[in-house]
């Protein structure tokens, strides 16, 4: 689309969308954005930034939903929801448009942003806080009816061009329309689905081809390792020759020719000039051991790579005739997923209890604060769980979870849980600490008391040394 055509198209659309509110944003593909507008009637302002189909249009109902697996929509797309489209004007220096958007905050603050729609050689969308370069609409001129020319390139990919002038361009099909917007809507509803499918298929083909090339390179590398593994005995033999003929070797040589043990066969051995005969022999022995290890692992690895290459080749052949739903399955498998956006200001969920395992496989939970103690004792612990606390000193609530076990904790388990309670108390550095314990059913919260306070009944007491279980 040239600048003159873009200006005339926006002259048709602009007055119809000025003042409309953006109620929703839909991205049915990576290169398509639809703004649902609420004005006198429901309309959709659409933008396609495919290089083969850069258009802007106004449509009553696109009849499209976001395609499964589609990715790449502008990150700011959802931000447009709730704004008011103040104006839509053409760009001055290239084909395209600039949309003036306005938000009104809860306190009456006005925020203005400009959405730049580039329909030139590199179609794109960008949202900025600065005013873009816009031009007035093109004056009315005598011209032929708007036309859409369609054709396919050498690779069979579809292309289309919107124009209000007869360019006498070679095309497989040319169709006339009453208005430029009607022509643009036709291009979207009739051509964009096919073009988007082609774009998605091409992107997947490139990814699969890259993976197939990497797999084949890895196969070649493993094959070299397999071939080298057959030389293990030769490396070991050369290392032994170096050790037995050290007197014949001078340091600094890149190779040496030695007579084999039969007294007649010459053996050429490559050397590291920086190393002596013994160090070179040790290097050959290491190389022999490495070759022997490869002889076992490399064939297995080669089989895995051959299976992967066959699978990728099958996928590459399937892409040519894949439907939209089939492409979505491949996209989910091969396209990188968008990184999860982490809100650094959001409160981080912390671990509220320490957990230990003691003799017999029993689980012991320890509160980290007074609030955690209350939660552990009065919300999480079951009536038959054992509750521990250091006597006469501040400390953490400790619960030995029975978790519905029929068996009862033995004496060793009770002493270890008590030692944990002693460790997590103010008396944690003492040699001996008195710890009380009872079933949780006999522990109740102090009415109106501070967090962490509890009243205990039917308690038993043990003396233990503060200690944590060995991990």
Protein backbone atom coordinates (compact mmCIF):
# COMPACT_ATOMS: atom_id res chain seq x y z
CA UNK A 1 0.00 0.00 0.00
CA UNK A 2 1.43 3.43 -0.98
CA UNK A 3 1.06 6.62 1.04
CA UNK A 4 -1.65 8.11 -1.19
CA UNK A 5 -3.82 4.99 -0.94
CA UNK A 6 -3.30 4.87 2.84
CA UNK A 7 -4.40 8.51 3.21
CA UNK A 8 -7.56 8.02 1.19
CA UNK A 9 -8.38 4.84 3.12
CA UNK A 10 -7.96 6.61 6.47
CA UNK A 11 -10.06 9.51 5.19
CA UNK A 12 -12.93 6.98 4.89
CA UNK A 13 -12.31 5.31 8.26
CA UNK A 14 -11.13 8.16 10.51
CA UNK A 15 -14.39 10.11 10.91
CA UNK A 16 -16.31 6.91 11.72
CA UNK A 17 -14.10 5.90 14.65
CA UNK A 18 -13.30 9.29 16.21
CA UNK A 19 -14.55 9.39 19.81
CA UNK A 20 -15.28 5.64 20.01
CA UNK A 21 -14.27 3.71 23.13
CA UNK A 22 -12.07 0.61 22.92
CA UNK A 23 -14.07 -2.03 24.81
CA UNK A 24 -11.97 -5.07 23.93
CA UNK A 25 -8.76 -6.13 22.18
CA UNK A 26 -8.43 -9.33 20.16
CA UNK A 27 -5.23 -10.74 18.62
CA UNK A 28 -6.30 -13.60 16.32
CA UNK A 29 -2.71 -13.96 15.06
CA UNK A 30 0.82 -12.76 15.61
CA UNK A 31 0.46 -10.01 13.00
CA UNK A 32 -3.18 -9.02 13.49
CA UNK A 33 -4.82 -6.76 16.07
CA UNK A 34 -8.55 -6.00 16.37
CA UNK A 35 -9.92 -3.18 18.54
CA UNK A 36 -13.59 -3.55 19.41
CA UNK A 37 -15.16 -0.09 19.43
CA UNK A 38 -18.33 1.00 21.19
CA UNK A 39 -19.93 3.98 19.49
CA UNK A 40 -23.22 4.38 17.72
CA UNK A 41 -22.85 0.69 16.83
CA UNK A 42 -20.37 -2.11 17.45
CA UNK A 43 -17.39 -1.98 15.07
CA UNK A 44 -13.91 -3.47 14.85
CA UNK A 45 -10.88 -1.44 13.85
CA UNK A 46 -8.37 -3.96 12.50
CA UNK A 47 -4.67 -3.83 11.65
CA UNK A 48 -2.64 -6.47 9.81
CA UNK A 49 1.15 -6.04 9.79
CA UNK A 50 2.00 -9.03 7.61
CA UNK A 51 4.56 -7.93 5.04
CA UNK A 52 2.43 -9.56 2.33
CA UNK A 53 -0.77 -7.83 3.53
CA UNK A 54 -0.22 -4.52 5.41
CA UNK A 55 -3.72 -3.04 5.86
CA UNK A 56 -5.97 -1.15 8.24
CA UNK A 57 -9.75 -1.56 8.02
CA UNK A 58 -13.11 -1.05 9.77
CA UNK A 59 -15.39 -4.07 9.95
CA UNK A 60 -18.78 -4.84 11.50
CA UNK A 61 -17.89 -8.35 12.70
CA UNK A 62 -14.62 -10.15 11.93
CA UNK A 63 -15.99 -13.52 13.01
CA UNK A 64 -12.59 -14.56 14.29
CA UNK A 65 -11.23 -15.75 17.63
CA UNK A 66 -7.61 -15.90 18.81
CA UNK A 67 -5.90 -18.81 17.06
CA UNK A 68 -4.61 -21.55 19.38
CA UNK A 69 -0.86 -21.25 19.75
CA UNK A 70 -0.67 -17.81 18.11
CA UNK A 71 2.07 -15.75 19.65
CA UNK A 72 3.88 -12.52 19.08
CA UNK A 73 1.04 -10.02 19.58
CA UNK A 74 2.33 -6.66 20.85
CA UNK A 75 2.93 -6.67 24.60
CA UNK A 76 0.96 -3.45 24.94
CA UNK A 77 -2.16 -4.84 23.23
CA UNK A 78 -4.13 -5.41 26.43
CA UNK A 79 -3.30 -1.87 27.62
CA UNK A 80 -5.46 -0.39 24.84
CA UNK A 81 -8.64 -1.73 26.43
CA UNK A 82 -10.70 1.05 28.04
CA UNK A 83 -9.17 3.90 26.05
CA UNK A 84 -10.98 6.39 23.82
CA UNK A 85 -9.92 6.66 20.19
CA UNK A 86 -9.67 10.44 19.80
CA UNK A 87 -8.56 10.40 16.16
CA UNK A 88 -7.12 8.24 13.39
CA UNK A 89 -4.93 10.07 10.88
CA UNK A 90 -2.41 9.07 8.19
CA UNK A 91 1.35 9.25 8.69
CA UNK A 92 3.19 11.99 6.88
CA UNK A 93 6.41 10.24 5.85
CA UNK A 94 5.30 6.69 5.00
CA UNK A 95 2.20 4.56 4.45
CA UNK A 96 0.41 4.07 7.73
CA UNK A 97 -1.66 5.69 10.44
CA UNK A 98 -1.38 7.15 13.90
CA UNK A 99 -4.18 6.57 16.40
CA UNK A 100 -4.55 9.07 19.26
CA UNK A 101 -5.73 7.19 22.38
CA UNK A 102 -6.81 8.72 25.68
CA UNK A 103 -7.45 7.32 29.14
CA UNK A 104 -9.15 9.11 32.02
CA UNK A 105 -8.08 7.93 35.47
CA UNK A 106 -10.23 7.63 38.60
CA UNK A 107 -9.06 11.03 39.86
CA UNK A 108 -9.72 12.69 36.53
CA UNK A 109 -6.13 12.51 35.28
CA UNK A 110 -5.86 12.33 31.49
CA UNK A 111 -3.29 10.08 29.83
CA UNK A 112 -2.58 10.33 26.10
CA UNK A 113 -0.79 7.74 23.99
CA UNK A 114 -0.23 7.37 20.25
CA UNK A 115 -0.40 4.04 18.43
CA UNK A 116 1.77 4.19 15.31
CA UNK A 117 0.68 1.78 12.56
CA UNK A 118 3.46 1.40 9.97
CA UNK A 119 2.23 -0.13 6.71
CA UNK A 120 5.45 0.44 4.75
CA UNK A 121 8.25 -1.98 3.87
CA UNK A 122 8.56 -3.17 7.47
CA UNK A 123 5.02 -3.20 8.87
CA UNK A 124 4.85 -2.80 12.65
CA UNK A 125 2.91 -1.43 15.63
CA UNK A 126 4.28 0.75 18.43
CA UNK A 127 2.71 2.60 21.37
CA UNK A 128 4.44 5.80 22.50
CA UNK A 129 3.84 8.72 24.81
CA UNK A 130 5.14 11.18 22.21
CA UNK A 131 3.13 12.69 19.36
CA UNK A 132 3.84 11.03 16.01
CA UNK A 133 4.09 12.60 12.57
CA UNK A 134 0.64 12.72 11.03
CA UNK A 135 -0.70 14.30 7.87
CA UNK A 136 -4.03 15.61 6.72
CA UNK A 137 -6.25 13.33 4.69
CA UNK A 138 -5.69 13.20 0.94
CA UNK A 139 -7.97 15.48 -1.10
CA UNK A 140 -10.64 13.87 -3.20
CA UNK A 141 -9.35 13.15 -6.70
CA UNK A 142 -10.85 11.53 -9.72
CA UNK A 143 -9.74 7.93 -9.80
CA UNK A 144 -10.83 4.52 -10.83
CA UNK A 145 -12.60 2.24 -8.36
CA UNK A 146 -10.40 0.69 -5.65
CA UNK A 147 -8.99 -2.69 -6.63
CA UNK A 148 -7.35 -5.65 -4.94
CA UNK A 149 -4.75 -7.51 -6.98
CA UNK A 150 -3.85 -11.07 -5.97
CA UNK A 151 -0.93 -13.28 -7.06
CA UNK A 152 1.48 -15.98 -5.84
CA UNK A 153 5.27 -15.77 -5.78
CA UNK A 154 7.76 -18.40 -6.97
CA UNK A 155 7.39 -20.33 -3.68
CA UNK A 156 3.60 -20.41 -3.99
CA UNK A 157 3.01 -17.88 -1.21
CA UNK A 158 -0.01 -15.58 -1.72
CA UNK A 159 0.33 -11.79 -2.04
CA UNK A 160 -2.15 -8.94 -2.45
CA UNK A 161 -2.08 -5.20 -3.10
CA UNK A 162 -4.73 -2.54 -2.43
CA UNK A 163 -4.84 0.46 -4.75
CA UNK A 164 -7.34 3.05 -5.94
CA UNK A 165 -5.49 3.51 -9.24
CA UNK A 166 -5.17 1.17 -12.20
CA UNK A 167 -1.48 0.28 -12.15
CA UNK A 168 -1.73 -2.33 -14.94
CA UNK A 169 0.28 -4.70 -12.74
CA UNK A 170 0.49 -8.41 -13.59
CA UNK A 171 -1.84 -10.31 -11.26
CA UNK A 172 -3.65 -13.62 -11.22
CA UNK A 173 -6.86 -11.89 -10.16
CA UNK A 174 -8.00 -8.26 -9.85
CA UNK A 175 -11.26 -7.25 -8.18
CA UNK A 176 -12.89 -3.82 -7.91
CA UNK A 177 -14.76 -2.34 -4.90
CA UNK A 178 -16.97 0.64 -4.13
CA UNK A 179 -14.67 1.96 -1.39
CA UNK A 180 -11.15 1.45 -0.11
CA UNK A 181 -12.42 0.20 3.25
CA UNK A 182 -14.61 -2.41 1.51
CA UNK A 183 -11.51 -3.57 -0.38
CA UNK A 184 -9.44 -3.67 2.83
CA UNK A 185 -12.18 -5.68 4.61
CA UNK A 186 -12.21 -8.14 1.72
CA UNK A 187 -8.43 -8.53 1.99
CA UNK A 188 -8.75 -9.28 5.70
CA UNK A 189 -11.66 -11.72 5.59
CA UNK A 190 -10.61 -13.54 2.40
CA UNK A 191 -6.82 -13.30 2.32
CA UNK A 192 -5.50 -12.85 5.86
CA UNK A 193 -6.44 -16.37 7.12
CA UNK A 194 -4.50 -17.94 4.25
CA UNK A 195 -1.55 -15.57 4.66
CA UNK A 196 -1.46 -16.08 8.43
CA UNK A 197 -1.49 -19.84 7.92
CA UNK A 198 1.40 -19.49 5.47
CA UNK A 199 3.36 -17.33 7.91
CA UNK A 200 2.84 -19.82 10.75
CA UNK A 201 3.80 -22.73 8.50
CA UNK A 202 6.97 -20.94 7.30
CA UNK A 203 8.01 -20.13 10.88
CA UNK A 204 7.60 -23.76 11.92
CA UNK A 205 9.46 -25.01 8.85
CA UNK A 206 12.44 -22.78 9.72
CA UNK A 207 12.49 -24.02 13.31
CA UNK A 208 12.21 -27.69 12.33
CA UNK A 209 14.88 -27.28 9.66
CA UNK A 210 17.30 -25.70 12.15
CA UNK A 211 16.73 -28.53 14.62
CA UNK A 212 17.18 -31.11 11.89
CA UNK A 213 20.50 -29.56 10.85
CA UNK A 214 21.73 -29.50 14.46
CA UNK A 215 20.71 -33.14 14.91
CA UNK A 216 22.53 -34.19 11.76
CA UNK A 217 25.66 -32.32 12.82
CA UNK A 218 25.50 -34.13 16.17
CA UNK A 219 25.11 -37.43 14.31
CA UNK A 220 28.25 -36.71 12.27
CA UNK A 221 30.16 -35.90 15.45
CA UNK A 222 29.06 -39.11 17.15
CA UNK A 223 29.96 -41.11 14.06
CA UNK A 224 33.49 -39.69 14.25
CA UNK A 225 33.63 -40.82 17.89
CA UNK A 226 32.50 -44.31 16.89
CA UNK A 227 35.17 -44.50 14.19
CA UNK A 228 37.80 -43.27 16.67
CA UNK A 229 36.73 -45.86 19.27
CA UNK A 230 38.13 -48.58 17.00
CA UNK A 231 41.63 -47.13 17.53
CA UNK A 232 41.75 -47.77 21.30
CA UNK A 233 44.23 -50.64 20.96
CA UNK A 234 46.38 -48.61 18.57
CA UNK A 235 46.59 -45.66 21.01
CA UNK A 236 47.54 -47.99 23.86
CA UNK A 237 50.17 -49.71 21.68
CA UNK A 238 51.75 -46.38 20.72
CA UNK A 239 51.81 -45.32 24.38
CA UNK A 240 53.65 -48.49 25.33
CA UNK A 241 56.15 -47.91 22.51
CA UNK A 242 56.87 -44.43 23.81
CA UNK A 243 57.55 -45.76 27.31
CA UNK A 244 59.90 -48.51 26.12
CA UNK A 245 61.79 -46.28 23.64
CA UNK A 246 62.07 -43.09 25.71
CA UNK A 247 65.82 -42.86 25.07
CA UNK A 248 65.21 -42.48 21.31
CA UNK A 249 62.82 -39.50 21.68
CA UNK A 250 63.89 -35.89 21.99
CA UNK A 251 61.64 -33.34 23.63
CA UNK A 252 60.17 -30.69 21.32
CA UNK A 253 59.36 -32.90 18.34
CA UNK A 254 55.85 -32.91 16.82
CA UNK A 255 56.12 -36.57 15.82
CA UNK A 256 58.47 -39.51 16.00
CA UNK A 257 58.93 -42.73 13.99
CA UNK A 258 59.72 -45.79 16.09
CA UNK A 259 60.38 -49.39 15.09
CA UNK A 260 57.66 -51.76 16.29
CA UNK A 261 58.36 -54.73 18.52
CA UNK A 262 58.78 -56.99 15.47
CA UNK A 263 61.97 -55.06 14.65
CA UNK A 264 60.92 -54.00 11.14
CA UNK A 265 57.54 -52.18 11.10
CA UNK A 266 57.85 -48.36 11.43
CA UNK A 267 55.23 -46.66 13.66
CA UNK A 268 54.63 -42.89 13.31
CA UNK A 269 53.43 -41.29 16.55
CA UNK A 270 52.21 -37.69 16.85
CA UNK A 271 53.53 -35.89 19.95
CA UNK A 272 52.84 -32.76 21.94
CA UNK A 273 56.15 -30.85 21.65
CA UNK A 274 55.61 -29.30 25.10
CA UNK A 275 55.48 -32.71 26.81
CA UNK A 276 58.08 -35.37 27.44
CA UNK A 277 57.85 -39.02 26.28
CA UNK A 278 56.18 -40.23 29.48
CA UNK A 279 53.57 -37.44 29.47
CA UNK A 280 52.81 -38.12 25.79
CA UNK A 281 52.43 -41.83 26.58
CA UNK A 282 50.00 -41.03 29.41
CA UNK A 283 48.01 -38.84 27.01
CA UNK A 284 47.75 -41.77 24.59
CA UNK A 285 46.59 -44.08 27.39
CA UNK A 286 43.88 -41.57 28.35
CA UNK A 287 42.85 -41.34 24.72
CA UNK A 288 42.60 -45.14 24.58
CA UNK A 289 40.38 -45.24 27.69
CA UNK A 290 38.19 -42.50 26.27
CA UNK A 291 37.85 -44.38 22.98
CA UNK A 292 36.81 -47.53 24.86
CA UNK A 293 34.12 -45.61 26.77
CA UNK A 294 32.84 -44.15 23.52
CA UNK A 295 32.61 -47.59 21.98
CA UNK A 296 29.84 -48.36 24.48
CA UNK A 297 28.03 -45.02 24.67
CA UNK A 298 28.35 -43.57 21.17
CA UNK A 299 26.26 -46.22 19.33
CA UNK A 300 23.40 -45.70 21.81
CA UNK A 301 23.63 -41.95 21.35
CA UNK A 302 23.72 -42.33 17.56
CA UNK A 303 20.55 -44.42 17.68
CA UNK A 304 18.79 -41.74 19.73
CA UNK A 305 19.86 -39.02 17.27
CA UNK A 306 18.78 -41.07 14.27
CA UNK A 307 15.34 -41.51 15.84
CA UNK A 308 15.10 -37.78 16.53
CA UNK A 309 16.16 -36.93 12.98
CA UNK A 310 13.56 -39.30 11.53
CA UNK A 311 10.86 -37.74 13.70
CA UNK A 312 11.85 -34.19 12.68
CA UNK A 313 11.89 -35.20 9.02
CA UNK A 314 8.39 -36.60 9.40
CA UNK A 315 7.23 -33.32 10.99
CA UNK A 316 8.82 -31.30 8.17
CA UNK A 317 6.91 -33.37 5.61
CA UNK A 318 3.64 -33.03 7.57
CA UNK A 319 3.82 -29.21 7.74
CA UNK A 320 3.23 -28.74 4.02
CA UNK A 321 -0.41 -29.82 4.22
CA UNK A 322 -1.10 -29.14 7.91
CA UNK A 323 -4.41 -27.49 8.85
CA UNK A 324 -4.73 -24.62 11.33
CA UNK A 325 -5.50 -27.01 14.21
CA UNK A 326 -2.55 -29.25 13.32
CA UNK A 327 -0.24 -26.22 13.14
CA UNK A 328 -1.42 -25.20 16.61
CA UNK A 329 -0.27 -28.59 17.96
CA UNK A 330 3.14 -28.18 16.32
CA UNK A 331 3.42 -24.58 17.62
CA UNK A 332 2.78 -25.73 21.17
CA UNK A 333 5.56 -28.25 20.75
CA UNK A 334 8.20 -26.23 18.90
CA UNK A 335 7.61 -22.52 19.55
CA UNK A 336 9.29 -21.06 22.64
CA UNK A 337 6.87 -20.19 25.40
CA UNK A 338 6.68 -16.60 26.60
CA UNK A 339 8.66 -16.03 29.79
CA UNK A 340 6.55 -15.74 32.89
CA UNK A 341 6.19 -12.12 33.98
CA UNK A 342 7.25 -11.78 37.60
CA UNK A 343 5.76 -8.97 39.62
CA UNK A 344 8.63 -7.87 41.85
CA UNK A 345 6.30 -5.76 43.96
CA UNK A 346 4.00 -8.68 44.74
CA UNK A 347 4.46 -10.13 48.22
CA UNK A 348 6.46 -13.33 48.13
CA UNK A 349 4.94 -16.38 49.73
CA UNK A 350 7.33 -17.61 52.39
CA UNK A 351 7.71 -21.02 53.97
CA UNK A 352 5.95 -20.67 57.33
CA UNK A 353 7.22 -23.85 58.99
CA UNK A 354 10.48 -25.72 59.35
CA UNK A 355 10.18 -29.43 58.58
CA UNK A 356 12.27 -32.28 60.00
CA UNK A 357 12.28 -36.08 59.70
CA UNK A 358 13.09 -38.06 62.84
CA UNK A 359 13.49 -41.71 63.81
CA UNK A 360 10.68 -43.90 62.51
CA UNK A 361 10.05 -41.53 59.57
CA UNK A 362 7.87 -39.18 61.64
CA UNK A 363 7.42 -35.61 60.36
CA UNK A 364 7.99 -32.69 62.74
CA UNK A 365 6.83 -29.12 61.98
CA UNK A 366 8.18 -26.02 63.74
CA UNK A 367 6.60 -22.54 63.65
CA UNK A 368 8.81 -19.59 62.65
CA UNK A 369 6.87 -16.76 64.36
CA UNK A 370 4.09 -16.27 66.89
CA UNK A 371 1.53 -16.05 64.07
CA UNK A 372 2.95 -19.22 62.51
CA UNK A 373 2.77 -20.94 65.90
CA UNK A 374 -0.93 -20.14 66.16
CA UNK A 375 -1.57 -21.37 62.62
CA UNK A 376 0.36 -24.59 63.21
CA UNK A 377 -1.21 -25.42 66.56
CA UNK A 378 -4.79 -24.29 66.13
CA UNK A 379 -5.39 -24.73 62.39
CA UNK A 380 -3.08 -27.38 60.97
CA UNK A 381 -2.42 -29.82 63.81
CA UNK A 382 -4.88 -32.68 64.30
CA UNK A 383 -6.22 -33.55 67.78
CA UNK A 384 -4.07 -36.68 68.11
CA UNK A 385 -0.81 -35.05 66.95
CA UNK A 386 1.83 -34.55 69.65
CA UNK A 387 2.57 -30.95 70.66
CA UNK A 388 5.93 -29.90 72.19
CA UNK A 389 7.21 -26.70 73.80
CA UNK A 390 10.16 -25.76 76.01
CA UNK A 391 8.98 -25.12 79.59
CA UNK A 392 9.15 -21.68 81.24
CA UNK A 393 10.88 -20.06 78.21
CA UNK A 394 9.76 -18.56 74.93
CA UNK A 395 10.06 -20.84 71.95
CA UNK A 396 8.48 -22.28 68.83
CA UNK A 397 5.47 -24.55 68.83
CA UNK A 398 6.52 -28.00 67.63
CA UNK A 399 4.10 -30.62 66.28
CA UNK A 400 4.86 -34.28 65.59
CA UNK A 401 2.42 -35.24 62.85
CA UNK A 402 0.83 -38.66 63.30
CA UNK A 403 -1.04 -38.21 59.99
CA UNK A 404 -3.55 -40.92 60.80
CA UNK A 405 -0.94 -43.58 61.63
CA UNK A 406 -2.15 -46.38 63.85
CA UNK A 407 1.31 -46.79 65.38
CA UNK A 408 2.43 -44.52 68.20
CA UNK A 409 5.77 -42.67 68.22
CA UNK A 410 8.33 -44.54 70.32
CA UNK A 411 10.45 -43.04 73.08
CA UNK A 412 13.31 -42.19 70.70
CA UNK A 413 11.01 -40.23 68.39
CA UNK A 414 9.54 -38.31 71.35
CA UNK A 415 13.03 -37.41 72.64
CA UNK A 416 14.14 -36.22 69.19
CA UNK A 417 11.02 -34.05 68.76
CA UNK A 418 11.58 -32.61 72.25
CA UNK A 419 15.21 -31.87 71.36
CA UNK A 420 13.98 -29.91 68.33
CA UNK A 421 11.61 -27.88 70.54
CA UNK A 422 14.48 -27.18 72.94
CA UNK A 423 16.75 -26.08 70.08
CA UNK A 424 14.12 -23.62 68.77
CA UNK A 425 13.69 -21.88 72.14
CA UNK A 426 15.45 -19.20 74.15
CA UNK A 427 17.20 -22.00 76.03
CA UNK A 428 18.61 -23.47 72.81
CA UNK A 429 22.23 -23.06 73.97
CA UNK A 430 21.74 -24.76 77.33
CA UNK A 431 23.10 -28.24 78.03
CA UNK A 432 19.74 -29.54 79.27
CA UNK A 433 16.23 -28.17 78.70
CA UNK A 434 12.90 -29.18 80.20
CA UNK A 435 10.31 -29.78 77.44
CA UNK A 436 6.62 -30.55 77.91
CA UNK A 437 4.51 -32.47 75.44
CA UNK A 438 0.92 -33.64 75.10
CA UNK A 439 -1.66 -34.39 72.45
CA UNK A 440 -2.79 -31.30 70.57
CA UNK A 441 -6.39 -31.85 71.82
CA UNK A 442 -5.18 -30.69 75.23
CA UNK A 443 -3.77 -27.38 73.94
CA UNK A 444 -6.05 -24.36 73.62
CA UNK A 445 -5.60 -20.73 72.73
CA UNK A 446 -5.69 -18.03 75.41
CA UNK A 447 -8.87 -16.00 74.90
CA UNK A 448 -7.88 -12.47 73.95
CA UNK A 449 -4.21 -13.37 74.36
CA UNK A 450 -1.34 -12.48 72.08
CA UNK A 451 -0.40 -14.79 69.17
CA UNK A 452 1.66 -17.75 70.29
CA UNK A 453 0.20 -18.00 73.83
CA UNK A 454 -1.40 -21.34 74.70
CA UNK A 455 -2.80 -23.21 77.72
CA UNK A 456 -1.64 -26.83 78.10
CA UNK A 457 -3.26 -29.69 80.02
CA UNK A 458 -2.22 -33.29 80.74
CA UNK A 459 1.37 -32.53 79.83
CA UNK A 460 4.35 -34.81 80.27
CA UNK A 461 7.90 -33.57 80.78
CA UNK A 462 11.27 -34.80 79.49
CA UNK A 463 14.78 -33.43 79.89
CA UNK A 464 16.75 -33.27 76.64
CA UNK A 465 19.82 -31.70 75.10
CA UNK A 466 18.89 -29.15 72.37
CA UNK A 467 19.69 -30.80 69.07
CA UNK A 468 18.46 -31.04 65.48
CA UNK A 469 18.18 -34.40 63.72
CA UNK A 470 20.97 -35.30 61.36
CA UNK A 471 19.97 -34.60 57.75
